N, C-alpha and C. Protein backbone atom coordinates (compact mmCIF):
# COMPACT_ATOMS: atom_id res chain seq x y z
N UNK A 1 16.02 3.64 12.88
CA UNK A 1 14.96 3.91 11.92
C UNK A 1 15.59 4.43 10.63
N UNK A 2 15.08 3.97 9.53
CA UNK A 2 15.59 4.38 8.23
C UNK A 2 15.02 5.73 7.83
N UNK A 3 15.81 6.50 7.14
CA UNK A 3 15.36 7.82 6.68
C UNK A 3 14.47 7.67 5.46
N UNK A 4 14.88 6.82 4.51
CA UNK A 4 14.07 6.57 3.32
C UNK A 4 13.04 5.50 3.63
N UNK A 5 11.77 5.82 3.49
CA UNK A 5 10.71 4.84 3.77
C UNK A 5 10.36 4.06 2.51
N UNK A 6 10.01 4.77 1.43
CA UNK A 6 9.71 4.09 0.17
C UNK A 6 9.78 5.09 -0.97
N UNK A 7 10.06 4.61 -2.18
CA UNK A 7 10.01 5.51 -3.34
C UNK A 7 8.57 5.74 -3.77
N UNK A 8 8.34 6.89 -4.38
CA UNK A 8 7.01 7.22 -4.90
C UNK A 8 7.01 6.88 -6.39
N UNK A 9 6.14 5.95 -6.76
CA UNK A 9 6.07 5.53 -8.16
C UNK A 9 4.68 5.88 -8.69
N UNK A 10 4.58 7.05 -9.30
CA UNK A 10 3.35 7.51 -9.93
C UNK A 10 3.69 7.96 -11.34
N UNK A 11 2.69 8.31 -12.11
CA UNK A 11 2.93 8.77 -13.47
C UNK A 11 3.75 10.06 -13.47
N UNK A 12 3.41 10.96 -12.57
CA UNK A 12 4.11 12.25 -12.51
C UNK A 12 5.56 12.06 -12.07
N UNK A 13 5.80 11.20 -11.07
CA UNK A 13 7.16 10.96 -10.58
C UNK A 13 7.99 10.23 -11.62
N UNK A 14 7.38 9.30 -12.35
CA UNK A 14 8.11 8.58 -13.40
C UNK A 14 8.49 9.51 -14.55
N UNK A 15 7.59 10.39 -14.95
CA UNK A 15 7.90 11.35 -16.01
C UNK A 15 8.99 12.31 -15.55
N UNK A 16 8.95 12.71 -14.29
CA UNK A 16 9.97 13.59 -13.72
C UNK A 16 11.34 12.91 -13.73
N UNK A 17 11.38 11.62 -13.43
CA UNK A 17 12.66 10.91 -13.41
C UNK A 17 13.21 10.71 -14.82
N UNK A 18 12.34 10.48 -15.78
CA UNK A 18 12.81 10.27 -17.16
C UNK A 18 13.28 11.57 -17.79
N UNK A 19 12.58 12.67 -17.54
CA UNK A 19 12.91 13.93 -18.20
C UNK A 19 14.00 14.72 -17.48
N UNK A 20 13.90 14.81 -16.16
CA UNK A 20 14.77 15.73 -15.41
C UNK A 20 15.73 15.06 -14.44
N UNK A 21 15.71 13.71 -14.39
CA UNK A 21 16.62 12.97 -13.48
C UNK A 21 16.30 13.27 -12.02
N UNK A 22 15.00 13.40 -11.69
CA UNK A 22 14.55 13.65 -10.31
C UNK A 22 13.75 12.45 -9.83
N UNK A 23 13.98 12.05 -8.59
CA UNK A 23 13.30 10.90 -8.02
C UNK A 23 12.62 11.31 -6.72
N UNK A 24 11.44 10.74 -6.46
CA UNK A 24 10.65 11.12 -5.29
C UNK A 24 10.63 9.97 -4.28
N UNK A 25 10.72 10.33 -3.00
CA UNK A 25 10.71 9.36 -1.92
C UNK A 25 9.83 9.86 -0.79
N UNK A 26 9.22 8.93 -0.07
CA UNK A 26 8.58 9.24 1.22
C UNK A 26 9.67 9.06 2.26
N UNK A 27 9.90 10.08 3.08
CA UNK A 27 10.99 10.04 4.04
C UNK A 27 10.45 10.24 5.46
N UNK A 28 11.32 10.04 6.44
CA UNK A 28 10.97 10.24 7.84
C UNK A 28 10.62 11.71 8.08
N UNK A 29 9.60 11.95 8.90
CA UNK A 29 9.13 13.33 9.15
C UNK A 29 10.19 14.21 9.80
N UNK A 30 11.09 13.63 10.57
CA UNK A 30 12.08 14.43 11.30
C UNK A 30 13.41 14.58 10.57
N UNK A 31 13.53 14.02 9.38
CA UNK A 31 14.80 14.10 8.66
C UNK A 31 14.94 15.44 7.94
N UNK A 32 16.21 15.85 7.74
CA UNK A 32 16.46 17.10 7.02
C UNK A 32 17.11 16.80 5.67
N UNK A 33 17.41 17.84 4.90
CA UNK A 33 17.91 17.67 3.55
C UNK A 33 19.28 17.00 3.51
N UNK A 34 20.14 17.32 4.46
CA UNK A 34 21.48 16.74 4.50
C UNK A 34 21.41 15.24 4.77
N UNK A 35 20.56 14.84 5.71
CA UNK A 35 20.39 13.41 6.02
C UNK A 35 19.80 12.65 4.85
N UNK A 36 18.84 13.26 4.16
CA UNK A 36 18.22 12.62 3.00
C UNK A 36 19.25 12.43 1.89
N UNK A 37 20.07 13.45 1.65
CA UNK A 37 21.11 13.36 0.62
C UNK A 37 22.09 12.23 0.93
N UNK A 38 22.56 12.13 2.17
CA UNK A 38 23.49 11.07 2.56
C UNK A 38 22.85 9.69 2.43
N UNK A 39 21.58 9.57 2.79
CA UNK A 39 20.89 8.27 2.72
C UNK A 39 20.73 7.80 1.28
N UNK A 40 20.34 8.70 0.38
CA UNK A 40 20.17 8.32 -1.03
C UNK A 40 21.51 7.95 -1.65
N UNK A 41 22.55 8.72 -1.33
CA UNK A 41 23.88 8.40 -1.88
C UNK A 41 24.39 7.07 -1.35
N UNK A 42 24.10 6.74 -0.09
CA UNK A 42 24.56 5.47 0.48
C UNK A 42 23.79 4.28 -0.07
N UNK A 43 22.47 4.41 -0.21
CA UNK A 43 21.66 3.27 -0.64
C UNK A 43 21.79 3.00 -2.13
N UNK A 44 21.75 4.03 -2.96
CA UNK A 44 21.72 3.84 -4.41
C UNK A 44 23.06 4.08 -5.10
N UNK A 45 24.05 4.62 -4.42
CA UNK A 45 25.37 4.81 -5.01
C UNK A 45 25.41 5.86 -6.11
N UNK A 46 24.66 6.93 -5.96
CA UNK A 46 24.65 8.02 -6.93
C UNK A 46 25.06 9.31 -6.23
N UNK A 47 25.36 10.34 -7.02
CA UNK A 47 25.67 11.63 -6.42
C UNK A 47 24.47 12.56 -6.58
N UNK A 48 24.04 13.13 -5.46
CA UNK A 48 22.84 13.97 -5.41
C UNK A 48 23.26 15.43 -5.54
N UNK A 49 22.57 16.17 -6.42
CA UNK A 49 22.88 17.58 -6.60
C UNK A 49 21.93 18.49 -5.84
N UNK A 50 20.65 18.08 -5.69
CA UNK A 50 19.65 18.95 -5.07
C UNK A 50 18.59 18.11 -4.36
N UNK A 51 18.14 18.59 -3.20
CA UNK A 51 17.07 17.93 -2.46
C UNK A 51 16.01 18.96 -2.12
N UNK A 52 14.75 18.63 -2.44
CA UNK A 52 13.62 19.48 -2.08
C UNK A 52 12.66 18.65 -1.24
N UNK A 53 12.12 19.25 -0.19
CA UNK A 53 11.22 18.52 0.70
C UNK A 53 9.84 19.17 0.74
N UNK A 54 8.83 18.33 1.00
CA UNK A 54 7.45 18.76 1.06
C UNK A 54 6.81 18.10 2.27
N UNK A 55 6.20 18.88 3.15
CA UNK A 55 5.41 18.33 4.24
C UNK A 55 3.96 18.26 3.79
N UNK A 56 3.40 17.04 3.76
CA UNK A 56 2.03 16.83 3.31
C UNK A 56 1.14 16.73 4.54
N UNK A 57 0.17 17.60 4.64
CA UNK A 57 -0.71 17.62 5.81
C UNK A 57 -1.68 16.44 5.77
N UNK A 58 -2.21 16.05 6.92
CA UNK A 58 -3.17 14.93 6.94
C UNK A 58 -4.53 15.35 6.40
N UNK A 59 -5.20 14.41 5.75
CA UNK A 59 -6.57 14.65 5.29
C UNK A 59 -7.53 14.32 6.42
N UNK A 60 -8.52 15.17 6.62
CA UNK A 60 -9.51 14.95 7.68
C UNK A 60 -10.84 14.56 7.04
N UNK A 61 -11.50 13.59 7.65
CA UNK A 61 -12.78 13.12 7.14
C UNK A 61 -13.80 13.10 8.28
N UNK A 62 -15.06 13.35 7.92
CA UNK A 62 -16.18 13.25 8.86
C UNK A 62 -17.25 12.40 8.19
N UNK A 63 -17.72 11.37 8.91
CA UNK A 63 -18.78 10.52 8.39
C UNK A 63 -19.96 10.58 9.35
N UNK A 64 -21.13 10.60 8.79
CA UNK A 64 -22.35 10.59 9.59
C UNK A 64 -22.93 9.18 9.54
N UNK A 65 -22.92 8.47 10.66
CA UNK A 65 -23.39 7.10 10.72
C UNK A 65 -24.56 6.99 11.70
N UNK A 66 -25.07 5.75 11.86
CA UNK A 66 -26.14 5.52 12.82
C UNK A 66 -25.69 5.82 14.24
N UNK A 67 -24.41 5.54 14.50
CA UNK A 67 -23.87 5.74 15.84
C UNK A 67 -23.55 7.21 16.12
N UNK A 68 -23.62 8.03 15.12
CA UNK A 68 -23.31 9.44 15.30
C UNK A 68 -22.22 9.89 14.35
N UNK A 69 -21.62 11.00 14.68
CA UNK A 69 -20.59 11.56 13.83
C UNK A 69 -19.23 10.91 14.14
N UNK A 70 -18.56 10.39 13.12
CA UNK A 70 -17.26 9.75 13.29
C UNK A 70 -16.22 10.60 12.56
N UNK A 71 -15.19 11.02 13.27
CA UNK A 71 -14.14 11.83 12.66
C UNK A 71 -12.86 11.02 12.59
N UNK A 72 -12.02 11.33 11.62
CA UNK A 72 -10.75 10.64 11.49
C UNK A 72 -9.82 11.43 10.60
N UNK A 73 -8.56 10.99 10.57
CA UNK A 73 -7.59 11.66 9.69
C UNK A 73 -6.52 10.67 9.28
N UNK A 74 -5.83 10.99 8.18
CA UNK A 74 -4.73 10.17 7.70
C UNK A 74 -3.44 10.68 8.33
N UNK A 75 -2.35 9.95 8.09
CA UNK A 75 -1.06 10.36 8.63
C UNK A 75 -0.47 11.52 7.83
N UNK A 76 0.29 12.35 8.50
CA UNK A 76 1.06 13.39 7.82
C UNK A 76 2.36 12.75 7.36
N UNK A 77 2.78 13.02 6.13
CA UNK A 77 4.02 12.45 5.60
C UNK A 77 4.92 13.56 5.08
N UNK A 78 6.16 13.20 4.85
CA UNK A 78 7.13 14.12 4.27
C UNK A 78 7.66 13.49 2.99
N UNK A 79 7.65 14.25 1.90
CA UNK A 79 8.17 13.79 0.62
C UNK A 79 9.48 14.51 0.33
N UNK A 80 10.36 13.82 -0.37
CA UNK A 80 11.61 14.43 -0.81
C UNK A 80 11.77 14.19 -2.31
N UNK A 81 12.06 15.25 -3.04
CA UNK A 81 12.37 15.14 -4.46
C UNK A 81 13.87 15.36 -4.60
N UNK A 82 14.55 14.32 -5.09
CA UNK A 82 16.00 14.30 -5.13
C UNK A 82 16.45 14.38 -6.57
N UNK A 83 17.28 15.36 -6.88
CA UNK A 83 17.84 15.47 -8.23
C UNK A 83 19.22 14.84 -8.24
N UNK A 84 19.44 13.95 -9.20
CA UNK A 84 20.67 13.18 -9.29
C UNK A 84 21.54 13.81 -10.37
N UNK A 85 22.86 13.65 -10.23
CA UNK A 85 23.81 14.23 -11.18
C UNK A 85 23.58 13.66 -12.58
N UNK A 86 24.01 14.40 -13.57
CA UNK A 86 23.86 14.01 -14.98
C UNK A 86 24.59 12.70 -15.23
N UNK A 87 23.89 11.74 -15.81
CA UNK A 87 24.49 10.44 -16.11
C UNK A 87 24.22 9.36 -15.06
N UNK A 88 23.82 9.74 -13.86
CA UNK A 88 23.49 8.76 -12.82
C UNK A 88 22.00 8.39 -12.94
N UNK A 89 21.71 7.12 -12.66
CA UNK A 89 20.33 6.62 -12.76
C UNK A 89 20.04 5.75 -11.55
N UNK A 90 18.84 5.90 -10.99
CA UNK A 90 18.36 5.03 -9.92
C UNK A 90 17.33 4.07 -10.53
N UNK A 91 17.56 2.77 -10.39
CA UNK A 91 16.63 1.78 -10.92
C UNK A 91 15.68 1.36 -9.80
N UNK A 92 14.48 1.95 -9.79
CA UNK A 92 13.50 1.66 -8.75
C UNK A 92 12.73 0.37 -9.01
N UNK A 93 12.76 -0.13 -10.23
CA UNK A 93 11.95 -1.29 -10.60
C UNK A 93 12.71 -2.60 -10.49
N UNK A 94 13.95 -2.60 -10.03
CA UNK A 94 14.73 -3.84 -9.96
C UNK A 94 14.26 -4.76 -8.84
N UNK A 95 13.64 -4.22 -7.78
CA UNK A 95 13.23 -5.03 -6.64
C UNK A 95 11.80 -5.56 -6.75
N UNK A 96 11.08 -5.22 -7.82
CA UNK A 96 9.68 -5.64 -7.94
C UNK A 96 9.55 -7.08 -8.30
């Protein structure tokens, strides 16, 4: 199983990458900072200076339907914000 699942491409993440050289990824829930650092360095060929992780809790929803009350939730994910060394760039738009 891969540690890096997909990059996060939003307005906030794009501004963060342009201004501060930080890139955001959705990563495996069981991975740690050292594994994330090694994976980013291996895949993109850059040197990573800092890794920050965020555990995002699942959203819970309740709907009232004809059949009764239906409950559900989304998946819990883990995000990683990776800061790259000065002068290194990750091109996330090359595969689109």
